Amino acid sequence: MDTKLTLKLDKDVIEKAKEYASSQKRSLSKIIETFLQSLANQENRKNEDEIQISPFVKSMSSGVNIPADLNYKKEYTNHLIEKYK
């Protein structure tokens, strides 16, 4: 349910915010709502001890560390060459 909220802000800030909202083709209310929701979600994540990972996802883990600079295209090409020899 939507509820009306009145805020007191600097006039220049309001004008700039309206221009930004217009350039994004969104309402200022929607932008503020999205921002406040992201703050609330961020706070909820901080309150959680740890992200819960389902047993199914845990079972898919292979324990292999993949190097950050791995060239997966080259590795896949080599795999196909070996496969079709």
Protein backbone atom coordinates (compact mmCIF):
# COMPACT_ATOMS: atom_id res chain seq x y z
CA MET A 1 0.00 0.00 0.00
CA ASP A 2 1.41 3.38 -0.95
CA THR A 3 1.54 6.09 1.69
CA LYS A 4 2.28 9.76 1.23
CA LEU A 5 5.48 11.13 2.80
CA THR A 6 6.44 14.79 3.18
CA LEU A 7 10.13 15.72 3.19
CA LYS A 8 11.87 19.04 3.72
CA LEU A 9 14.88 19.33 1.42
CA ASP A 10 16.99 22.08 -0.07
CA LYS A 11 15.28 23.60 -3.11
CA ASP A 12 18.38 23.11 -5.33
CA VAL A 13 18.59 19.46 -4.35
CA ILE A 14 14.94 18.95 -5.26
CA GLU A 15 15.38 20.63 -8.66
CA LYS A 16 18.46 18.56 -9.49
CA ALA A 17 16.70 15.40 -8.35
CA LYS A 18 13.70 16.19 -10.55
CA GLU A 19 15.99 16.76 -13.54
CA TYR A 20 17.74 13.47 -12.87
CA ALA A 21 14.44 11.61 -12.54
CA SER A 22 13.22 13.13 -15.79
CA SER A 23 16.41 12.14 -17.60
CA GLN A 24 15.94 8.58 -16.34
CA LYS A 25 12.26 8.57 -17.35
CA ARG A 26 11.28 7.64 -13.80
CA SER A 27 9.35 9.43 -11.11
CA LEU A 28 11.25 11.03 -8.28
CA SER A 29 9.08 9.08 -5.85
CA LYS A 30 10.11 5.77 -7.46
CA ILE A 31 13.80 6.69 -7.37
CA ILE A 32 13.60 7.60 -3.69
CA GLU A 33 11.62 4.45 -2.91
CA THR A 34 14.21 2.30 -4.68
CA PHE A 35 17.04 4.03 -2.84
CA LEU A 36 15.39 3.59 0.58
CA GLN A 37 14.63 -0.05 -0.23
CA SER A 38 18.29 -0.66 -1.11
CA LEU A 39 19.32 0.88 2.22
CA ALA A 40 16.90 -1.37 4.08
CA ASN A 41 18.12 -4.45 2.18
CA GLN A 42 21.73 -3.54 2.87
CA GLU A 43 20.98 -3.27 6.58
CA ASN A 44 19.22 -6.66 6.52
CA ARG A 45 22.27 -8.25 4.91
CA LYS A 46 24.51 -6.81 7.63
CA ASN A 47 22.28 -8.36 10.27
CA GLU A 48 22.56 -11.84 8.80
CA ASP A 49 25.37 -13.93 10.27
CA GLU A 50 26.19 -15.65 7.02
CA ILE A 51 24.60 -16.09 3.62
CA GLN A 52 22.80 -19.40 3.60
CA ILE A 53 23.88 -21.74 0.81
CA SER A 54 21.54 -24.60 0.03
CA PRO A 55 22.84 -28.18 0.39
CA PHE A 56 22.29 -28.70 -3.35
CA VAL A 57 24.58 -25.79 -4.25
CA LYS A 58 27.17 -26.99 -1.73
CA SER A 59 27.08 -30.45 -3.32
CA MET A 60 27.99 -28.93 -6.70
CA SER A 61 31.25 -27.48 -5.37
CA SER A 62 34.31 -29.31 -6.69
CA GLY A 63 36.85 -27.60 -4.43
CA VAL A 64 39.00 -26.71 -7.44
CA ASN A 65 40.49 -23.22 -7.45
CA ILE A 66 40.38 -21.66 -10.90
CA PRO A 67 43.16 -19.16 -11.68
CA ALA A 68 41.97 -15.61 -12.29
CA ASP A 69 43.92 -15.40 -15.57
CA LEU A 70 42.55 -18.65 -17.01
CA ASN A 71 41.95 -18.42 -20.76
CA TYR A 72 38.80 -20.54 -20.94
CA LYS A 73 38.51 -20.22 -24.73
CA LYS A 74 41.99 -21.67 -25.21
CA GLU A 75 41.29 -24.44 -22.69
CA TYR A 76 38.02 -25.33 -24.42
CA THR A 77 39.74 -25.33 -27.82
CA ASN A 78 42.41 -27.70 -26.49
CA HIS A 79 39.69 -29.93 -25.04
CA LEU A 80 37.92 -30.13 -28.41
CA ILE A 81 41.19 -30.86 -30.26
CA GLU A 82 41.91 -33.74 -27.88
CA LYS A 83 38.35 -35.00 -28.06
CA TYR A 84 38.23 -35.18 -31.86
CA LYS A 85 41.73 -36.55 -32.59
